[in-house]
Amino acid sequence: MDWIALITVAIAPLTALAGWFAGKRKRNNDFLHQMQSSINNLVAENTKLLNDIITVKKQNMELLIQNEVMRQKLSDLEEQNILFKEEITVLNHKLENVKTITRTK
């Protein structure tokens, strides 16, 4: 076998091996780009979710404040109700000795 035939036979596997190494590097780079893209998408989604959570927490805090204001108003109304009940009791007691006057035609 002469050198030219040997080189001709060796060229095909050598170019295949060089192509495989070049393809491997490209596959690795593509994989890294896909991973970075996935990370960027996850970060964007996480940011959106965090903003939503902040909005919900703000609304929750506002509702808790409104709830406390309503509780205070309810407490004030309950106190007024007690005072009105006492006043009604006193007025009813005063009316016990009053005669009812009815007018007939």
PDB file of N, CA and C in Angstrom:
ATOM      1  N   MET A   1       0.848  -1.168   0.000  1.00  0.00           N
ATOM      2  CA  MET A   1       0.000   0.000   0.000  1.00  0.00           C
ATOM      3  C   MET A   1       0.897   1.235   0.000  1.00  0.00           C
ATOM      4  N   ASP A   2       0.586   2.142  -0.846  1.00  0.00           N
ATOM      5  CA  ASP A   2       1.421   3.341  -0.887  1.00  0.00           C
ATOM      6  C   ASP A   2       0.827   4.424   0.005  1.00  0.00           C
ATOM      7  N   TRP A   3       1.601   5.444   0.179  1.00  0.00           N
ATOM      8  CA  TRP A   3       1.208   6.537   1.095  1.00  0.00           C
ATOM      9  C   TRP A   3      -0.045   7.279   0.644  1.00  0.00           C
ATOM     10  N   ILE A   4      -0.251   7.439  -0.574  1.00  0.00           N
ATOM     11  CA  ILE A   4      -1.411   8.167  -1.083  1.00  0.00           C
ATOM     12  C   ILE A   4      -2.688   7.382  -0.768  1.00  0.00           C
ATOM     13  N   ALA A   5      -2.650   6.101  -0.935  1.00  0.00           N
ATOM     14  CA  ALA A   5      -3.827   5.289  -0.640  1.00  0.00           C
ATOM     15  C   ALA A   5      -4.101   5.317   0.863  1.00  0.00           C
ATOM     16  N   LEU A   6      -3.026   5.261   1.649  1.00  0.00           N
ATOM     17  CA  LEU A   6      -3.176   5.308   3.100  1.00  0.00           C
ATOM     18  C   LEU A   6      -3.764   6.649   3.545  1.00  0.00           C
ATOM     19  N   ILE A   7      -3.284   7.720   2.952  1.00  0.00           N
ATOM     20  CA  ILE A   7      -3.800   9.058   3.288  1.00  0.00           C
ATOM     21  C   ILE A   7      -5.260   9.171   2.855  1.00  0.00           C
ATOM     22  N   THR A   8      -5.583   8.639   1.692  1.00  0.00           N
ATOM     23  CA  THR A   8      -6.953   8.693   1.187  1.00  0.00           C
ATOM     24  C   THR A   8      -7.895   7.925   2.123  1.00  0.00           C
ATOM     25  N   VAL A   9      -7.455   6.784   2.602  1.00  0.00           N
ATOM     26  CA  VAL A   9      -8.274   5.994   3.510  1.00  0.00           C
ATOM     27  C   VAL A   9      -8.382   6.692   4.872  1.00  0.00           C
ATOM     28  N   ALA A  10      -7.334   7.358   5.330  1.00  0.00           N
ATOM     29  CA  ALA A  10      -7.318   7.991   6.649  1.00  0.00           C
ATOM     30  C   ALA A  10      -8.066   9.323   6.667  1.00  0.00           C
ATOM     31  N   ILE A  11      -8.210   9.965   5.502  1.00  0.00           N
ATOM     32  CA  ILE A  11      -8.849  11.293   5.470  1.00  0.00           C
ATOM     33  C   ILE A  11     -10.311  11.215   5.934  1.00  0.00           C
ATOM     34  N   ALA A  12     -11.041  10.223   5.497  1.00  0.00           N
ATOM     35  CA  ALA A  12     -12.461  10.130   5.841  1.00  0.00           C
ATOM     36  C   ALA A  12     -12.672  10.024   7.360  1.00  0.00           C
ATOM     37  N   PRO A  13     -11.984   9.112   8.065  1.00  0.00           N
ATOM     38  CA  PRO A  13     -12.195   9.069   9.515  1.00  0.00           C
ATOM     39  C   PRO A  13     -11.684  10.323  10.227  1.00  0.00           C
ATOM     40  N   LEU A  14     -10.586  10.893   9.741  1.00  0.00           N
ATOM     41  CA  LEU A  14     -10.046  12.108  10.376  1.00  0.00           C
ATOM     42  C   LEU A  14     -11.007  13.281  10.216  1.00  0.00           C
ATOM     43  N   THR A  15     -11.599  13.441   9.024  1.00  0.00           N
ATOM     44  CA  THR A  15     -12.558  14.544   8.843  1.00  0.00           C
ATOM     45  C   THR A  15     -13.823  14.279   9.650  1.00  0.00           C
ATOM     46  N   ALA A  16     -14.223  13.024   9.753  1.00  0.00           N
ATOM     47  CA  ALA A  16     -15.395  12.692  10.585  1.00  0.00           C
ATOM     48  C   ALA A  16     -15.123  13.028  12.042  1.00  0.00           C
ATOM     49  N   LEU A  17     -13.902  12.687  12.520  1.00  0.00           N
ATOM     50  CA  LEU A  17     -13.529  12.990  13.901  1.00  0.00           C
ATOM     51  C   LEU A  17     -13.471  14.495  14.138  1.00  0.00           C
ATOM     52  N   ALA A  18     -12.895  15.253  13.198  1.00  0.00           N
ATOM     53  CA  ALA A  18     -12.837  16.718  13.324  1.00  0.00           C
ATOM     54  C   ALA A  18     -14.257  17.303  13.312  1.00  0.00           C
ATOM     55  N   GLY A  19     -15.121  16.779  12.458  1.00  0.00           N
ATOM     56  CA  GLY A  19     -16.510  17.236  12.406  1.00  0.00           C
ATOM     57  C   GLY A  19     -17.247  16.922  13.697  1.00  0.00           C
ATOM     58  N   TRP A  20     -16.970  15.773  14.273  1.00  0.00           N
ATOM     59  CA  TRP A  20     -17.621  15.392  15.534  1.00  0.00           C
ATOM     60  C   TRP A  20     -17.216  16.353  16.659  1.00  0.00           C
ATOM     61  N   PHE A  21     -15.869  16.670  16.721  1.00  0.00           N
ATOM     62  CA  PHE A  21     -15.411  17.620  17.750  1.00  0.00           C
ATOM     63  C   PHE A  21     -16.026  19.006  17.546  1.00  0.00           C
ATOM     64  N   ALA A  22     -16.087  19.461  16.295  1.00  0.00           N
ATOM     65  CA  ALA A  22     -16.692  20.775  16.014  1.00  0.00           C
ATOM     66  C   ALA A  22     -18.182  20.750  16.357  1.00  0.00           C
ATOM     67  N   GLY A  23     -18.853  19.673  16.013  1.00  0.00           N
ATOM     68  CA  GLY A  23     -20.273  19.546  16.324  1.00  0.00           C
ATOM     69  C   GLY A  23     -20.517  19.474  17.823  1.00  0.00           C
ATOM     70  N   LYS A  24     -19.610  18.797  18.536  1.00  0.00           N
ATOM     71  CA  LYS A  24     -19.752  18.699  19.993  1.00  0.00           C
ATOM     72  C   LYS A  24     -19.671  20.079  20.628  1.00  0.00           C
ATOM     73  N   ARG A  25     -18.728  20.889  20.155  1.00  0.00           N
ATOM     74  CA  ARG A  25     -18.592  22.252  20.702  1.00  0.00           C
ATOM     75  C   ARG A  25     -19.853  23.069  20.418  1.00  0.00           C
ATOM     76  N   LYS A  26     -20.377  22.939  19.188  1.00  0.00           N
ATOM     77  CA  LYS A  26     -21.594  23.667  18.844  1.00  0.00           C
ATOM     78  C   LYS A  26     -22.765  23.177  19.691  1.00  0.00           C
ATOM     79  N   ARG A  27     -22.870  21.858  19.879  1.00  0.00           N
ATOM     80  CA  ARG A  27     -23.953  21.318  20.713  1.00  0.00           C
ATOM     81  C   ARG A  27     -23.842  21.837  22.142  1.00  0.00           C
ATOM     82  N   ASN A  28     -22.629  21.878  22.672  1.00  0.00           N
ATOM     83  CA  ASN A  28     -22.434  22.398  24.023  1.00  0.00           C
ATOM     84  C   ASN A  28     -22.827  23.865  24.107  1.00  0.00           C
ATOM     85  N   ASN A  29     -22.415  24.649  23.109  1.00  0.00           N
ATOM     86  CA  ASN A  29     -22.773  26.077  23.104  1.00  0.00           C
ATOM     87  C   ASN A  29     -24.277  26.267  22.975  1.00  0.00           C
ATOM     88  N   ASP A  30     -24.922  25.476  22.105  1.00  0.00           N
ATOM     89  CA  ASP A  30     -26.385  25.557  21.960  1.00  0.00           C
ATOM     90  C   ASP A  30     -27.071  25.193  23.274  1.00  0.00           C
ATOM     91  N   PHE A  31     -26.560  24.152  23.927  1.00  0.00           N
ATOM     92  CA  PHE A  31     -27.131  23.731  25.207  1.00  0.00           C
ATOM     93  C   PHE A  31     -26.997  24.841  26.242  1.00  0.00           C
ATOM     94  N   LEU A  32     -25.837  25.481  26.291  1.00  0.00           N
ATOM     95  CA  LEU A  32     -25.638  26.588  27.237  1.00  0.00           C
ATOM     96  C   LEU A  32     -26.565  27.758  26.922  1.00  0.00           C
ATOM     97  N   HIS A  33     -26.746  28.038  25.639  1.00  0.00           N
ATOM     98  CA  HIS A  33     -27.664  29.128  25.254  1.00  0.00           C
ATOM     99  C   HIS A  33     -29.100  28.779  25.649  1.00  0.00           C
ATOM    100  N   GLN A  34     -29.492  27.527  25.459  1.00  0.00           N
ATOM    101  CA  GLN A  34     -30.840  27.115  25.857  1.00  0.00           C
ATOM    102  C   GLN A  34     -31.010  27.205  27.371  1.00  0.00           C
ATOM    103  N   MET A  35     -29.992  26.798  28.112  1.00  0.00           N
ATOM    104  CA  MET A  35     -30.075  26.895  29.568  1.00  0.00           C
ATOM    105  C   MET A  35     -30.168  28.349  30.010  1.00  0.00           C
ATOM    106  N   GLN A  36     -29.376  29.241  29.404  1.00  0.00           N
ATOM    107  CA  GLN A  36     -29.419  30.659  29.751  1.00  0.00           C
ATOM    108  C   GLN A  36     -30.784  31.244  29.420  1.00  0.00           C
ATOM    109  N   SER A  37     -31.336  30.834  28.296  1.00  0.00           N
ATOM    110  CA  SER A  37     -32.668  31.305  27.913  1.00  0.00           C
ATOM    111  C   SER A  37     -33.712  30.832  28.930  1.00  0.00           C
ATOM    112  N   SER A  38     -33.593  29.585  29.352  1.00  0.00           N
ATOM    113  CA  SER A  38     -34.519  29.056  30.359  1.00  0.00           C
ATOM    114  C   SER A  38     -34.377  29.816  31.671  1.00  0.00           C
ATOM    115  N   ILE A  39     -33.148  30.088  32.067  1.00  0.00           N
ATOM    116  CA  ILE A  39     -32.904  30.845  33.306  1.00  0.00           C
ATOM    117  C   ILE A  39     -33.514  32.231  33.193  1.00  0.00           C
ATOM    118  N   ASN A  40     -33.323  32.880  32.055  1.00  0.00           N
ATOM    119  CA  ASN A  40     -33.889  34.224  31.859  1.00  0.00           C
ATOM    120  C   ASN A  40     -35.414  34.185  31.936  1.00  0.00           C
ATOM    121  N   ASN A  41     -36.018  33.155  31.327  1.00  0.00           N
ATOM    122  CA  ASN A  41     -37.483  33.021  31.399  1.00  0.00           C
ATOM    123  C   ASN A  41     -37.938  32.796  32.836  1.00  0.00           C
ATOM    124  N   LEU A  42     -37.216  31.966  33.573  1.00  0.00           N
ATOM    125  CA  LEU A  42     -37.579  31.706  34.968  1.00  0.00           C
ATOM    126  C   LEU A  42     -37.435  32.962  35.817  1.00  0.00           C
ATOM    127  N   VAL A  43     -36.386  33.734  35.579  1.00  0.00           N
ATOM    128  CA  VAL A  43     -36.181  34.979  36.329  1.00  0.00           C
ATOM    129  C   VAL A  43     -37.318  35.958  36.029  1.00  0.00           C
ATOM    130  N   ALA A  44     -37.692  36.057  34.763  1.00  0.00           N
ATOM    131  CA  ALA A  44     -38.783  36.975  34.393  1.00  0.00           C
ATOM    132  C   ALA A  44     -40.099  36.525  35.041  1.00  0.00           C
ATOM    133  N   GLU A  45     -40.364  35.228  35.011  1.00  0.00           N
ATOM    134  CA  GLU A  45     -41.593  34.712  35.626  1.00  0.00           C
ATOM    135  C   GLU A  45     -41.560  34.909  37.143  1.00  0.00           C
ATOM    136  N   ASN A  46     -40.390  34.676  37.739  1.00  0.00           N
ATOM    137  CA  ASN A  46     -40.239  34.861  39.185  1.00  0.00           C
ATOM    138  C   ASN A  46     -40.463  36.329  39.559  1.00  0.00           C
ATOM    139  N   THR A  47     -39.946  37.232  38.771  1.00  0.00           N
ATOM    140  CA  THR A  47     -40.139  38.666  39.020  1.00  0.00           C
ATOM    141  C   THR A  47     -41.616  39.022  38.947  1.00  0.00           C
ATOM    142  N   LYS A  48     -42.304  38.476  37.936  1.00  0.00           N
ATOM    143  CA  LYS A  48     -43.746  38.732  37.798  1.00  0.00           C
ATOM    144  C   LYS A  48     -44.498  38.193  39.015  1.00  0.00           C
ATOM    145  N   LEU A  49     -44.162  36.981  39.428  1.00  0.00           N
ATOM    146  CA  LEU A  49     -44.837  36.386  40.578  1.00  0.00           C
ATOM    147  C   LEU A  49     -44.560  37.174  41.858  1.00  0.00           C
ATOM    148  N   LEU A  50     -43.326  37.631  42.028  1.00  0.00           N
ATOM    149  CA  LEU A  50     -42.998  38.434  43.214  1.00  0.00           C
ATOM    150  C   LEU A  50     -43.792  39.743  43.209  1.00  0.00           C
ATOM    151  N   ASN A  51     -43.915  40.364  42.045  1.00  0.00           N
ATOM    152  CA  ASN A  51     -44.714  41.593  41.960  1.00  0.00           C
ATOM    153  C   ASN A  51     -46.172  41.316  42.293  1.00  0.00           C
ATOM    154  N   ASP A  52     -46.686  40.180  41.816  1.00  0.00           N
ATOM    155  CA  ASP A  52     -48.066  39.802  42.146  1.00  0.00           C
ATOM    156  C   ASP A  52     -48.217  39.581  43.648  1.00  0.00           C
ATOM    157  N   ILE A  53     -47.242  38.924  44.256  1.00  0.00           N
ATOM    158  CA  ILE A  53     -47.296  38.680  45.700  1.00  0.00           C
ATOM    159  C   ILE A  53     -47.266  39.992  46.463  1.00  0.00           C
ATOM    160  N   ILE A  54     -46.430  40.922  46.027  1.00  0.00           N
ATOM    161  CA  ILE A  54     -46.355  42.228  46.686  1.00  0.00           C
ATOM    162  C   ILE A  54     -47.694  42.946  46.577  1.00  0.00           C
ATOM    163  N   THR A  55     -48.317  42.877  45.403  1.00  0.00           N
ATOM    164  CA  THR A  55     -49.628  43.511  45.211  1.00  0.00           C
ATOM    165  C   THR A  55     -50.673  42.884  46.125  1.00  0.00           C
ATOM    166  N   VAL A  56     -50.679  41.557  46.197  1.00  0.00           N
ATOM    167  CA  VAL A  56     -51.655  40.863  47.038  1.00  0.00           C
ATOM    168  C   VAL A  56     -51.410  41.191  48.509  1.00  0.00           C
ATOM    169  N   LYS A  57     -50.144  41.242  48.930  1.00  0.00           N
ATOM    170  CA  LYS A  57     -49.847  41.575  50.324  1.00  0.00           C
ATOM    171  C   LYS A  57     -50.280  43.002  50.649  1.00  0.00           C
ATOM    172  N   LYS A  58     -50.087  43.912  49.699  1.00  0.00           N
ATOM    173  CA  LYS A  58     -50.519  45.293  49.910  1.00  0.00           C
ATOM    174  C   LYS A  58     -52.041  45.348  50.063  1.00  0.00           C
ATOM    175  N   GLN A  59     -52.749  44.641  49.176  1.00  0.00           N
ATOM    176  CA  GLN A  59     -54.210  44.613  49.268  1.00  0.00           C
ATOM    177  C   GLN A  59     -54.643  43.976  50.586  1.00  0.00           C
ATOM    178  N   ASN A  60     -53.959  42.932  50.987  1.00  0.00           N
ATOM    179  CA  ASN A  60     -54.284  42.260  52.249  1.00  0.00           C
ATOM    180  C   ASN A  60     -54.098  43.217  53.425  1.00  0.00           C
ATOM    181  N   MET A  61     -53.013  43.967  53.410  1.00  0.00           N
ATOM    182  CA  MET A  61     -52.753  44.918  54.490  1.00  0.00           C
ATOM    183  C   MET A  61     -53.836  45.999  54.522  1.00  0.00           C
ATOM    184  N   GLU A  62     -54.225  46.488  53.347  1.00  0.00           N
ATOM    185  CA  GLU A  62     -55.281  47.499  53.293  1.00  0.00           C
ATOM    186  C   GLU A  62     -56.593  46.931  53.837  1.00  0.00           C
ATOM    187  N   LEU A  63     -56.890  45.691  53.489  1.00  0.00           N
ATOM    188  CA  LEU A  63     -58.123  45.070  53.984  1.00  0.00           C
ATOM    189  C   LEU A  63     -58.062  44.837  55.488  1.00  0.00           C
ATOM    190  N   LEU A  64     -56.890  44.481  55.996  1.00  0.00           N
ATOM    191  CA  LEU A  64     -56.755  44.314  57.443  1.00  0.00           C
ATOM    192  C   LEU A  64     -56.978  45.641  58.167  1.00  0.00           C
ATOM    193  N   ILE A  65     -56.459  46.715  57.591  1.00  0.00           N
ATOM    194  CA  ILE A  65     -56.654  48.043  58.188  1.00  0.00           C
ATOM    195  C   ILE A  65     -58.142  48.409  58.156  1.00  0.00           C
ATOM    196  N   GLN A  66     -58.787  48.187  56.998  1.00  0.00           N
ATOM    197  CA  GLN A  66     -60.223  48.479  56.900  1.00  0.00           C
ATOM    198  C   GLN A  66     -61.025  47.619  57.873  1.00  0.00           C
ATOM    199  N   ASN A  67     -60.606  46.375  58.019  1.00  0.00           N
ATOM    200  CA  ASN A  67     -61.283  45.481  58.954  1.00  0.00           C
ATOM    201  C   ASN A  67     -61.168  46.011  60.380  1.00  0.00           C
ATOM    202  N   GLU A  68     -60.003  46.497  60.749  1.00  0.00           N
ATOM    203  CA  GLU A  68     -59.812  47.038  62.100  1.00  0.00           C
ATOM    204  C   GLU A  68     -60.647  48.295  62.297  1.00  0.00           C
ATOM    205  N   VAL A  69     -60.726  49.142  61.278  1.00  0.00           N
ATOM    206  CA  VAL A  69     -61.566  50.345  61.360  1.00  0.00           C
ATOM    207  C   VAL A  69     -63.024  49.937  61.551  1.00  0.00           C
ATOM    208  N   MET A  70     -63.466  48.936  60.804  1.00  0.00           N
ATOM    209  CA  MET A  70     -64.845  48.468  60.939  1.00  0.00           C
ATOM    210  C   MET A  70     -65.089  47.863  62.321  1.00  0.00           C
ATOM    211  N   ARG A  71     -64.126  47.158  62.845  1.00  0.00           N
ATOM    212  CA  ARG A  71     -64.277  46.607  64.203  1.00  0.00           C
ATOM    213  C   ARG A  71     -64.436  47.729  65.225  1.00  0.00           C
ATOM    214  N   GLN A  72     -63.654  48.786  65.052  1.00  0.00           N
ATOM    215  CA  GLN A  72     -63.758  49.920  65.972  1.00  0.00           C
ATOM    216  C   GLN A  72     -65.125  50.577  65.854  1.00  0.00           C
ATOM    217  N   LYS A  73     -65.607  50.761  64.622  1.00  0.00           N
ATOM    218  CA  LYS A  73     -66.941  51.342  64.428  1.00  0.00           C
ATOM    219  C   LYS A  73     -68.012  50.447  65.037  1.00  0.00           C
ATOM    220  N   LEU A  74     -67.866  49.135  64.853  1.00  0.00           N
ATOM    221  CA  LEU A  74     -68.821  48.196  65.437  1.00  0.00           C
ATOM    222  C   LEU A  74     -68.805  48.278  66.954  1.00  0.00           C
ATOM    223  N   SER A  75     -67.617  48.391  67.519  1.00  0.00           N
ATOM    224  CA  SER A  75     -67.506  48.524  68.976  1.00  0.00           C
ATOM    225  C   SER A  75     -68.205  49.793  69.455  1.00  0.00           C
ATOM    226  N   ASP A  76     -68.004  50.891  68.730  1.00  0.00           N
ATOM    227  CA  ASP A  76     -68.671  52.147  69.089  1.00  0.00           C
ATOM    228  C   ASP A  76     -70.192  52.006  68.984  1.00  0.00           C
ATOM    229  N   LEU A  77     -70.647  51.331  67.924  1.00  0.00           N
ATOM    230  CA  LEU A  77     -72.094  51.140  67.758  1.00  0.00           C
ATOM    231  C   LEU A  77     -72.660  50.241  68.854  1.00  0.00           C
ATOM    232  N   GLU A  78     -71.900  49.235  69.258  1.00  0.00           N
ATOM    233  CA  GLU A  78     -72.366  48.374  70.348  1.00  0.00           C
ATOM    234  C   GLU A  78     -72.484  49.169  71.650  1.00  0.00           C
ATOM    235  N   GLU A  79     -71.526  50.071  71.895  1.00  0.00           N
ATOM    236  CA  GLU A  79     -71.606  50.926  73.086  1.00  0.00           C
ATOM    237  C   GLU A  79     -72.831  51.835  73.012  1.00  0.00           C
ATOM    238  N   GLN A  80     -73.084  52.418  71.845  1.00  0.00           N
ATOM    239  CA  GLN A  80     -74.269  53.262  71.672  1.00  0.00           C
ATOM    240  C   GLN A  80     -75.538  52.440  71.860  1.00  0.00           C
ATOM    241  N   ASN A  81     -75.525  51.220  71.365  1.00  0.00           N
ATOM    242  CA  ASN A  81     -76.682  50.353  71.515  1.00  0.00           C
ATOM    243  C   ASN A  81     -76.973  50.088  72.989  1.00  0.00           C
ATOM    244  N   ILE A  82     -75.951  49.840  73.758  1.00  0.00           N
ATOM    245  CA  ILE A  82     -76.135  49.623  75.200  1.00  0.00           C
ATOM    246  C   ILE A  82     -76.735  50.860  75.851  1.00  0.00           C
ATOM    247  N   LEU A  83     -76.220  52.042  75.482  1.00  0.00           N
ATOM    248  CA  LEU A  83     -76.752  53.283  76.045  1.00  0.00           C
ATOM    249  C   LEU A  83     -78.217  53.487  75.639  1.00  0.00           C
ATOM    250  N   PHE A  84     -78.531  53.200  74.389  1.00  0.00           N
ATOM    251  CA  PHE A  84     -79.918  53.345  73.940  1.00  0.00           C
ATOM    252  C   PHE A  84     -80.830  52.359  74.657  1.00  0.00           C
ATOM    253  N   LYS A  85     -80.379  51.149  74.870  1.00  0.00           N
ATOM    254  CA  LYS A  85     -81.185  50.162  75.605  1.00  0.00           C
ATOM    255  C   LYS A  85     -81.457  50.642  77.023  1.00  0.00           C
ATOM    256  N   GLU A  86     -80.436  51.196  77.649  1.00  0.00           N
ATOM    257  CA  GLU A  86     -80.631  51.726  79.005  1.00  0.00           C
ATOM    258  C   GLU A  86     -81.619  52.882  78.992  1.00  0.00           C
ATOM    259  N   GLU A  87     -81.510  53.747  78.021  1.00  0.00           N
ATOM    260  CA  GLU A  87     -82.430  54.884  77.918  1.00  0.00           C
ATOM    261  C   GLU A  87     -83.860  54.402  77.662  1.00  0.00           C
ATOM    262  N   ILE A  88     -84.022  53.399  76.818  1.00  0.00           N
ATOM    263  CA  ILE A  88     -85.350  52.836  76.547  1.00  0.00           C
ATOM    264  C   ILE A  88     -85.926  52.215  77.812  1.00  0.00           C
ATOM    265  N   THR A  89     -85.082  51.537  78.579  1.00  0.00           N
ATOM    266  CA  THR A  89     -85.547  50.938  79.836  1.00  0.00           C
ATOM    267  C   THR A  89     -86.037  52.020  80.786  1.00  0.00           C
ATOM    268  N   VAL A  90     -85.280  53.117  80.898  1.00  0.00           N
ATOM    269  CA  VAL A  90     -85.679  54.223  81.774  1.00  0.00           C
ATOM    270  C   VAL A  90     -86.989  54.831  81.280  1.00  0.00           C
ATOM    271  N   LEU A  91     -87.116  55.056  79.995  1.00  0.00           N
ATOM    272  CA  LEU A  91     -88.335  55.646  79.438  1.00  0.00           C
ATOM    273  C   LEU A  91     -89.528  54.714  79.617  1.00  0.00           C
ATOM    274  N   ASN A  92     -89.303  53.413  79.400  1.00  0.00           N
ATOM    275  CA  ASN A  92     -90.393  52.443  79.624  1.00  0.00           C
ATOM    276  C   ASN A  92     -90.828  52.440  81.087  1.00  0.00           C
ATOM    277  N   HIS A  93     -89.884  52.566  81.987  1.00  0.00           N
ATOM    278  CA  HIS A  93     -90.216  52.603  83.418  1.00  0.00           C
ATOM    279  C   HIS A  93     -91.047  53.847  83.746  1.00  0.00           C
ATOM    280  N   LYS A  94     -90.691  54.964  83.144  1.00  0.00           N
ATOM    281  CA  LYS A  94     -91.447  56.189  83.368  1.00  0.00           C
ATOM    282  C   LYS A  94     -92.862  56.077  82.803  1.00  0.00           C
ATOM    283  N   LEU A  95     -93.021  55.338  81.716  1.00  0.00           N
ATOM    284  CA  LEU A  95     -94.323  55.215  81.073  1.00  0.00           C
ATOM    285  C   LEU A  95     -95.242  54.223  81.781  1.00  0.00           C
ATOM    286  N   GLU A  96     -94.701  53.438  82.685  1.00  0.00           N
ATOM    287  CA  GLU A  96     -95.521  52.436  83.371  1.00  0.00           C
ATOM    288  C   GLU A  96     -96.669  53.082  84.155  1.00  0.00           C
ATOM    289  N   ASN A  97     -96.458  54.248  84.725  1.00  0.00           N
ATOM    290  CA  ASN A  97     -97.466  54.895  85.559  1.00  0.00           C
ATOM    291  C   ASN A  97     -98.330  55.892  84.791  1.00  0.00           C
ATOM    292  N   VAL A  98     -98.137  55.971  83.518  1.00  0.00           N
ATOM    293  CA  VAL A  98     -98.937  56.906  82.730  1.00  0.00           C
ATOM    294  C   VAL A  98    -100.170  56.163  82.223  1.00  0.00           C
ATOM    295  N   LYS A  99    -101.343  56.817  82.374  1.00  0.00           N
ATOM    296  CA  LYS A  99    -102.582  56.213  81.915  1.00  0.00           C
ATOM    297  C   LYS A  99    -102.729  56.444  80.420  1.00  0.00           C
ATOM    298  N   THR A 100    -103.293  55.470  79.788  1.00  0.00           N
ATOM    299  CA  THR A 100    -103.518  55.585  78.365  1.00  0.00           C
ATOM    300  C   THR A 100    -104.835  56.292  78.151  1.00  0.00           C
ATOM    301  N   ILE A 101    -104.833  57.312  77.357  1.00  0.00           N
ATOM    302  CA  ILE A 101    -106.057  58.059  77.077  1.00  0.00           C
ATOM    303  C   ILE A 101    -106.463  57.718  75.648  1.00  0.00           C
ATOM    304  N   THR A 102    -107.640  57.185  75.542  1.00  0.00           N
ATOM    305  CA  THR A 102    -108.132  56.873  74.221  1.00  0.00           C
ATOM    306  C   THR A 102    -109.370  57.703  73.941  1.00  0.00           C
ATOM    307  N   ARG A 103    -109.471  58.081  72.771  1.00  0.00           N
ATOM    308  CA  ARG A 103    -110.563  58.945  72.369  1.00  0.00           C
ATOM    309  C   ARG A 103    -111.491  58.145  71.469  1.00  0.00           C
ATOM    310  N   THR A 104    -112.741  58.168  71.750  1.00  0.00           N
ATOM    311  CA  THR A 104    -113.703  57.443  70.920  1.00  0.00           C
ATOM    312  C   THR A 104    -114.675  58.444  70.327  1.00  0.00           C
ATOM    313  N   LYS A 105    -115.188  58.190  69.238  1.00  0.00           N
ATOM    314  CA  LYS A 105    -116.111  59.109  68.560  1.00  0.00           C
ATOM    315  C   LYS A 105    -117.524  58.749  68.818  1.00  0.00           C
TER     316      LYS A 105
END
